[in-house]
């Protein structure tokens, strides 16, 4: 009985060794295959910080860590009582400027009517002056022939001079009336300028009020809150961190003899540690132009000491949208890159639709 158990254990051990040898051989064969290259990495995504444009106190935050949000969704609100008061003040200035405009326009009409009246007086005085000049000219001619007395001549002369002075005074009044029109028109322009200034202030304050409503610039997941309601933040203070789940990629490192063969658009497969049996299709969209020592996040010291090229492979947005609830950043895994487009993917890297 003991001999049978020993034989059975030997058979099981041999089978295990055989399976291990076969898997190791297959893995080594894949790793030695020049048609493929691999590197360790972690899933990353574009992060957007939701910040305040103006300094102030946070009124409310409507989302929590891990919440999915849609583009345009209200995420947080800043206190707006000061801006509301400024808006009412600017609106009052606008109404005051509009009233000033109406008054200035009425003043232009009044000054225009006064100028018209002054011009009429000038015409009247000019007509009287013409008559006085003719009368004075006749008196001057008659005085030579002694046909008129010296006293009558002096009366006509005085009347002529008086009428001429009245014409000059009327013309001065007309000029003054026209100057008053110009001044009134300048008041109209000033009133228009005040209205435009008030409206510009209103538009600016409304824009500031809109900026107090912190909305999502894109669809994504709230990664964490960096502030709480009631806190006072300076301009540019961070309130939330948003992850763009439509732009998820893995950063990994390849040696120079391999990186030089990787072109932009090269197909890739991502094997995540959390789901090693579910390869994720991706596409290379970035290859660094300068080599670097790999960071400490790479598992082995030997790999960290090598000069490597940083490569990024992005997952298709359509696939991310289909499995949005499962998308997480920071998950470690391995990225495989196909260097020979004619070489088929090995079984463990094939998608379900390809099997």
Protein backbone atom coordinates (compact mmCIF):
# COMPACT_ATOMS: atom_id res chain seq x y z
CA UNK A 1 0.00 0.00 0.00
CA UNK A 2 2.81 2.33 0.89
CA UNK A 3 4.52 1.58 -2.43
CA UNK A 4 1.39 2.55 -4.39
CA UNK A 5 1.18 5.88 -2.56
CA UNK A 6 4.83 6.57 -3.34
CA UNK A 7 4.30 5.77 -6.99
CA UNK A 8 1.17 7.94 -7.08
CA UNK A 9 3.01 10.85 -5.51
CA UNK A 10 5.87 10.40 -7.96
CA UNK A 11 3.43 10.49 -10.89
CA UNK A 12 1.76 13.65 -9.54
CA UNK A 13 5.15 15.29 -8.99
CA UNK A 14 6.29 14.35 -12.49
CA UNK A 15 3.07 15.73 -13.96
CA UNK A 16 3.53 18.94 -12.00
CA UNK A 17 7.11 19.28 -13.17
CA UNK A 18 6.01 18.62 -16.72
CA UNK A 19 3.29 21.23 -16.57
CA UNK A 20 5.65 23.74 -14.98
CA UNK A 21 8.32 23.01 -17.61
CA UNK A 22 5.78 23.34 -20.42
CA UNK A 23 4.43 26.68 -19.10
CA UNK A 24 7.92 27.97 -18.47
CA UNK A 25 9.02 26.89 -21.91
CA UNK A 26 6.02 28.56 -23.50
CA UNK A 27 6.52 31.75 -21.48
CA UNK A 28 10.23 31.83 -22.25
CA UNK A 29 9.50 31.20 -25.90
CA UNK A 30 7.13 34.16 -25.92
CA UNK A 31 9.58 36.37 -24.05
CA UNK A 32 12.32 35.39 -26.50
CA UNK A 33 10.08 36.00 -29.51
CA UNK A 34 11.40 39.13 -31.29
CA UNK A 35 7.90 39.83 -32.58
CA UNK A 36 6.77 40.89 -29.09
CA UNK A 37 8.05 43.08 -26.28
CA UNK A 38 6.70 43.69 -22.80
CA UNK A 39 7.15 45.99 -19.85
CA UNK A 40 5.63 46.48 -16.41
CA UNK A 41 3.47 49.49 -15.69
CA UNK A 42 0.34 50.90 -14.07
CA UNK A 43 -2.89 52.27 -15.43
CA UNK A 44 -2.98 56.05 -15.45
CA UNK A 45 -5.49 58.66 -16.59
CA UNK A 46 -5.61 62.36 -17.29
CA UNK A 47 -6.38 64.23 -14.09
CA UNK A 48 -8.12 67.60 -13.93
CA UNK A 49 -8.04 69.78 -10.82
CA UNK A 50 -11.30 71.65 -10.22
CA UNK A 51 -10.12 74.98 -8.80
CA UNK A 52 -11.63 78.29 -7.78
CA UNK A 53 -11.11 81.25 -10.09
CA UNK A 54 -11.76 83.78 -7.33
CA UNK A 55 -10.89 83.75 -3.67
CA UNK A 56 -13.77 83.06 -1.31
CA UNK A 57 -15.59 80.63 0.96
CA UNK A 58 -16.95 77.29 -0.26
CA UNK A 59 -20.72 77.27 0.11
CA UNK A 60 -21.35 73.63 -0.78
CA UNK A 61 -19.82 70.55 -2.45
CA UNK A 62 -22.32 68.24 -4.14
CA UNK A 63 -20.13 65.19 -4.92
CA UNK A 64 -18.03 62.72 -2.99
CA UNK A 65 -14.97 60.59 -3.69
CA UNK A 66 -15.63 57.98 -6.36
CA UNK A 67 -18.75 59.65 -7.81
CA UNK A 68 -19.23 59.59 -11.58
CA UNK A 69 -20.03 63.01 -13.00
CA UNK A 70 -21.19 64.28 -16.39
CA UNK A 71 -19.83 67.24 -18.32
CA UNK A 72 -21.51 70.44 -17.10
CA UNK A 73 -22.73 68.91 -13.82
CA UNK A 74 -22.61 71.26 -10.83
CA UNK A 75 -19.91 70.03 -8.46
CA UNK A 76 -19.46 72.85 -5.93
CA UNK A 77 -20.64 76.37 -5.19
CA UNK A 78 -18.76 79.35 -3.78
CA UNK A 79 -20.41 82.08 -1.68
CA UNK A 80 -21.82 84.79 -3.93
CA UNK A 81 -23.39 87.37 -1.57
CA UNK A 82 -20.65 89.96 -2.19
CA UNK A 83 -20.88 89.51 -5.96
CA UNK A 84 -24.66 89.76 -5.81
CA UNK A 85 -24.34 93.11 -4.01
CA UNK A 86 -21.83 94.30 -6.61
CA UNK A 87 -24.20 93.22 -9.38
CA UNK A 88 -27.09 95.20 -7.88
CA UNK A 89 -24.81 98.22 -7.53
CA UNK A 90 -23.72 97.97 -11.17
CA UNK A 91 -27.32 97.59 -12.31
CA UNK A 92 -28.22 100.74 -10.34
CA UNK A 93 -25.34 102.61 -12.04
CA UNK A 94 -26.67 101.45 -15.39
CA UNK A 95 -30.14 102.86 -14.64
CA UNK A 96 -28.59 106.10 -13.38
CA UNK A 97 -26.52 106.39 -16.56
CA UNK A 98 -29.61 105.74 -18.69
CA UNK A 99 -31.44 108.53 -16.85
CA UNK A 100 -28.47 110.84 -17.42
CA UNK A 101 -28.56 109.94 -21.10
CA UNK A 102 -32.22 110.84 -21.39
CA UNK A 103 -31.56 114.16 -19.62
CA UNK A 104 -28.57 114.91 -21.87
CA UNK A 105 -30.55 114.13 -25.00
CA UNK A 106 -33.34 116.45 -23.82
CA UNK A 107 -30.74 119.15 -23.13
CA UNK A 108 -29.43 118.78 -26.71
CA UNK A 109 -32.91 119.40 -28.07
CA UNK A 110 -33.36 122.40 -25.76
CA UNK A 111 -30.02 123.89 -26.74
CA UNK A 112 -30.84 123.29 -30.41
CA UNK A 113 -34.11 125.20 -30.05
CA UNK A 114 -32.27 128.02 -28.27
CA UNK A 115 -29.73 128.14 -31.09
CA UNK A 116 -32.53 128.30 -33.66
CA UNK A 117 -34.10 131.17 -31.75
CA UNK A 118 -30.74 132.95 -31.56
CA UNK A 119 -30.28 132.53 -35.32
CA UNK A 120 -33.73 134.04 -35.86
CA UNK A 121 -32.80 137.03 -33.70
CA UNK A 122 -29.60 137.45 -35.71
CA UNK A 123 -31.64 137.54 -38.94
CA UNK A 124 -34.04 140.03 -37.40
CA UNK A 125 -31.24 142.30 -36.19
CA UNK A 126 -29.41 141.95 -39.50
CA UNK A 127 -32.54 143.04 -41.35
CA UNK A 128 -32.85 146.06 -39.04
CA UNK A 129 -29.17 146.85 -39.59
CA UNK A 130 -29.63 146.78 -43.37
CA UNK A 131 -32.48 149.28 -43.07
CA UNK A 132 -30.54 151.48 -40.68
CA UNK A 133 -27.54 151.50 -43.04
CA UNK A 134 -29.66 152.59 -46.00
CA UNK A 135 -31.24 155.32 -43.93
CA UNK A 136 -27.84 156.44 -42.69
CA UNK A 137 -26.44 156.43 -46.23
CA UNK A 138 -29.31 158.66 -47.46
CA UNK A 139 -28.83 161.00 -44.53
CA UNK A 140 -25.13 161.25 -45.31
CA UNK A 141 -25.88 162.17 -48.96
CA UNK A 142 -28.53 164.71 -47.99
CA UNK A 143 -26.25 166.29 -45.41
CA UNK A 144 -23.77 167.20 -48.17
CA UNK A 145 -26.50 169.11 -50.01
CA UNK A 146 -27.81 170.55 -46.72
CA UNK A 147 -31.10 168.81 -47.40
CA UNK A 148 -31.24 167.39 -43.90
CA UNK A 149 -30.45 168.89 -40.56
CA UNK A 150 -27.37 167.95 -38.61
CA UNK A 151 -29.56 166.64 -35.81
CA UNK A 152 -31.48 164.21 -38.06
CA UNK A 153 -28.21 163.01 -39.51
CA UNK A 154 -26.87 162.28 -36.02
CA UNK A 155 -30.07 160.44 -35.07
CA UNK A 156 -29.74 158.15 -38.14
CA UNK A 157 -26.07 157.61 -37.38
CA UNK A 158 -26.78 156.65 -33.77
CA UNK A 159 -29.53 154.25 -34.84
CA UNK A 160 -27.22 152.61 -37.36
CA UNK A 161 -24.48 152.11 -34.81
CA UNK A 162 -26.93 150.78 -32.22
CA UNK A 163 -28.39 148.29 -34.69
CA UNK A 164 -24.91 147.12 -35.66
CA UNK A 165 -24.12 146.52 -31.98
CA UNK A 166 -27.35 144.57 -31.59
CA UNK A 167 -26.41 142.36 -34.55
CA UNK A 168 -23.02 141.65 -32.99
CA UNK A 169 -24.68 140.79 -29.68
CA UNK A 170 -27.20 138.49 -31.42
CA UNK A 171 -24.41 136.70 -33.27
CA UNK A 172 -22.53 136.23 -29.99
CA UNK A 173 -25.68 134.73 -28.44
CA UNK A 174 -26.02 132.39 -31.41
CA UNK A 175 -22.42 131.26 -31.04
CA UNK A 176 -23.02 130.69 -27.35
CA UNK A 177 -26.11 128.60 -28.13
CA UNK A 178 -24.15 126.47 -30.60
CA UNK A 179 -21.42 125.96 -28.00
CA UNK A 180 -24.12 124.86 -25.56
CA UNK A 181 -25.25 122.29 -28.13
CA UNK A 182 -21.71 120.89 -28.35
CA UNK A 183 -21.53 120.68 -24.56
CA UNK A 184 -24.88 118.90 -24.39
CA UNK A 185 -23.77 116.46 -27.09
CA UNK A 186 -20.61 115.77 -25.09
CA UNK A 187 -22.85 115.00 -22.10
CA UNK A 188 -24.73 112.52 -24.28
CA UNK A 189 -21.49 110.79 -25.22
CA UNK A 190 -20.46 110.71 -21.57
CA UNK A 191 -23.80 109.18 -20.62
CA UNK A 192 -23.36 106.50 -23.30
CA UNK A 193 -19.87 105.78 -21.97
CA UNK A 194 -21.22 105.45 -18.42
CA UNK A 195 -23.91 103.05 -19.65
CA UNK A 196 -21.34 100.92 -21.47
CA UNK A 197 -19.08 100.93 -18.41
CA UNK A 198 -21.95 99.85 -16.17
CA UNK A 199 -22.95 97.11 -18.60
CA UNK A 200 -19.34 95.91 -18.80
CA UNK A 201 -19.26 95.71 -14.99
CA UNK A 202 -22.53 93.76 -15.05
CA UNK A 203 -21.15 91.31 -17.62
CA UNK A 204 -17.94 90.88 -15.60
CA UNK A 205 -19.79 90.27 -12.34
CA UNK A 206 -22.14 87.79 -14.02
CA UNK A 207 -19.10 85.97 -15.39
CA UNK A 208 -17.64 85.88 -11.86
CA UNK A 209 -20.96 84.52 -10.58
CA UNK A 210 -20.84 81.80 -13.22
CA UNK A 211 -17.27 80.99 -12.17
CA UNK A 212 -18.53 80.53 -8.60
CA UNK A 213 -20.44 77.52 -9.91
CA UNK A 214 -17.78 74.85 -10.28
CA UNK A 215 -18.94 72.45 -12.98
CA UNK A 216 -17.40 69.32 -14.50
CA UNK A 217 -15.42 70.11 -17.67
CA UNK A 218 -15.80 66.49 -18.85
CA UNK A 219 -17.25 63.10 -17.98
CA UNK A 220 -15.21 61.38 -15.30
CA UNK A 221 -14.87 60.18 -11.72
CA UNK A 222 -14.16 62.29 -8.65
CA UNK A 223 -10.88 60.92 -7.31
CA UNK A 224 -10.82 62.92 -4.09
CA UNK A 225 -11.93 66.14 -2.42
CA UNK A 226 -9.19 68.53 -1.40
CA UNK A 227 -11.41 71.05 0.43
CA UNK A 228 -14.57 71.08 2.50
CA UNK A 229 -17.59 73.41 2.73
CA UNK A 230 -16.84 76.46 4.86
CA UNK A 231 -13.16 76.64 3.96
CA UNK A 232 -11.82 79.90 2.54
CA UNK A 233 -9.62 79.40 -0.51
CA UNK A 234 -7.39 81.75 -2.44
CA UNK A 235 -7.81 82.22 -6.17
CA UNK A 236 -6.81 78.97 -7.86
CA UNK A 237 -7.42 76.88 -4.74
CA UNK A 238 -8.07 73.20 -5.43
CA UNK A 239 -11.49 71.84 -4.50
CA UNK A 240 -11.76 68.50 -6.34
CA UNK A 241 -9.62 66.16 -8.41
CA UNK A 242 -11.36 64.70 -11.45
CA UNK A 243 -10.12 61.71 -13.47
CA UNK A 244 -10.90 61.64 -17.19
CA UNK A 245 -11.99 58.04 -17.70
CA UNK A 246 -12.07 58.51 -21.47
CA UNK A 247 -8.26 58.87 -21.51
CA UNK A 248 -6.79 55.87 -19.68
CA UNK A 249 -3.36 54.52 -20.57
CA UNK A 250 -0.49 52.44 -19.20
CA UNK A 251 3.04 53.79 -18.91
CA UNK A 252 5.79 51.19 -19.21
CA UNK A 253 9.46 51.01 -20.19
CA UNK A 254 11.29 49.28 -23.02
CA UNK A 255 15.02 48.96 -23.76
CA UNK A 256 16.43 51.03 -26.62
CA UNK A 257 16.89 48.09 -29.00
CA UNK A 258 13.15 47.43 -28.69
CA UNK A 259 11.82 50.98 -28.30
CA UNK A 260 13.36 51.95 -31.63
CA UNK A 261 11.05 49.44 -33.35
CA UNK A 262 7.89 50.73 -31.71
CA UNK A 263 5.99 53.18 -33.89
CA UNK A 264 3.08 55.34 -32.88
CA UNK A 265 -0.11 53.41 -33.47
CA UNK A 266 1.50 50.03 -32.71
CA UNK A 267 -1.10 47.59 -31.30
CA UNK A 268 -0.67 46.49 -27.71
CA UNK A 269 -2.29 44.26 -25.13
CA UNK A 270 -2.53 45.07 -21.42
CA UNK A 271 -2.63 42.31 -18.82
CA UNK A 272 -3.74 43.67 -15.47
CA UNK A 273 -2.76 41.89 -12.26
CA UNK A 274 -6.37 42.10 -11.15
CA UNK A 275 -7.58 40.30 -14.30
CA UNK A 276 -4.65 38.34 -15.81
CA UNK A 277 -6.92 36.28 -18.06
CA UNK A 278 -8.58 39.28 -19.73
CA UNK A 279 -6.22 41.09 -22.12
CA UNK A 280 -7.19 44.66 -22.83
CA UNK A 281 -6.53 46.05 -26.34
CA UNK A 282 -4.57 49.29 -26.51
CA UNK A 283 -2.57 51.43 -28.93
CA UNK A 284 0.85 53.03 -28.46
CA UNK A 285 0.52 56.81 -28.65
CA UNK A 286 3.77 57.98 -27.06
CA UNK A 287 7.43 56.91 -27.17
CA UNK A 288 9.95 59.05 -25.30
CA UNK A 289 12.73 60.60 -27.35
CA UNK A 290 15.26 60.38 -24.49
CA UNK A 291 16.23 57.31 -22.45
CA UNK A 292 16.05 57.36 -18.66
CA UNK A 293 16.67 55.15 -15.67
CA UNK A 294 13.43 53.38 -14.90
CA UNK A 295 11.72 54.60 -11.69
CA UNK A 296 11.57 52.76 -8.39
CA UNK A 297 8.04 51.56 -9.13
CA UNK A 298 9.55 48.97 -11.48
CA UNK A 299 9.80 45.78 -9.50
CA UNK A 300 13.40 44.58 -9.89
CA UNK A 301 16.59 46.47 -9.13
CA UNK A 302 18.26 45.20 -12.33
CA UNK A 303 15.51 46.72 -14.44
CA UNK A 304 15.78 50.00 -12.55
CA UNK A 305 19.46 50.26 -13.33
CA UNK A 306 18.91 50.00 -17.09
CA UNK A 307 18.42 52.95 -19.39
CA UNK A 308 14.94 52.53 -20.83
CA UNK A 309 12.51 54.47 -23.00
CA UNK A 310 9.14 55.45 -21.58
CA UNK A 311 6.20 54.25 -23.68
CA UNK A 312 2.47 54.87 -23.28
CA UNK A 313 -0.37 52.73 -24.64
CA UNK A 314 -3.93 54.09 -24.57
CA UNK A 315 -7.12 52.07 -24.21
CA UNK A 316 -9.80 52.91 -26.79
CA UNK A 317 -12.38 55.40 -25.40
CA UNK A 318 -15.24 53.26 -26.79
CA UNK A 319 -14.08 50.29 -24.71
CA UNK A 320 -13.67 52.45 -21.63
CA UNK A 321 -17.16 53.83 -22.01
CA UNK A 322 -18.57 50.32 -22.33
CA UNK A 323 -16.93 49.20 -19.06
CA UNK A 324 -16.88 52.55 -17.26
CA UNK A 325 -17.83 51.02 -13.89
CA UNK A 326 -14.74 48.78 -13.91
CA UNK A 327 -12.18 51.42 -14.92
CA UNK A 328 -9.69 52.18 -12.15
CA UNK A 329 -6.34 53.92 -12.21
CA UNK A 330 -3.21 52.74 -10.43
CA UNK A 331 -3.81 49.06 -11.22
CA UNK A 332 -0.46 47.34 -12.01
CA UNK A 333 0.02 45.10 -14.99
CA UNK A 334 2.10 44.22 -18.02
CA UNK A 335 1.95 45.82 -21.44
CA UNK A 336 2.71 43.69 -24.51
CA UNK A 337 3.59 45.32 -27.82
CA UNK A 338 3.45 43.63 -31.21
CA UNK A 339 6.59 44.52 -33.20
CA UNK A 340 5.73 42.33 -36.18
CA UNK A 341 2.26 43.06 -37.53
CA UNK A 342 2.16 39.73 -39.36
CA UNK A 343 2.74 37.69 -36.20
CA UNK A 344 -0.49 36.54 -34.51
CA UNK A 345 -1.05 37.22 -30.84
CA UNK A 346 -0.32 34.25 -28.56
CA UNK A 347 -3.30 32.57 -26.96
CA UNK A 348 -3.05 34.30 -23.60
CA UNK A 349 -3.09 37.72 -25.31
CA UNK A 350 -5.97 37.04 -27.65
CA UNK A 351 -9.31 38.73 -27.09
CA UNK A 352 -12.40 36.62 -26.64
CA UNK A 353 -13.57 37.64 -30.08
CA UNK A 354 -10.27 36.34 -31.54
CA UNK A 355 -10.33 32.97 -29.84
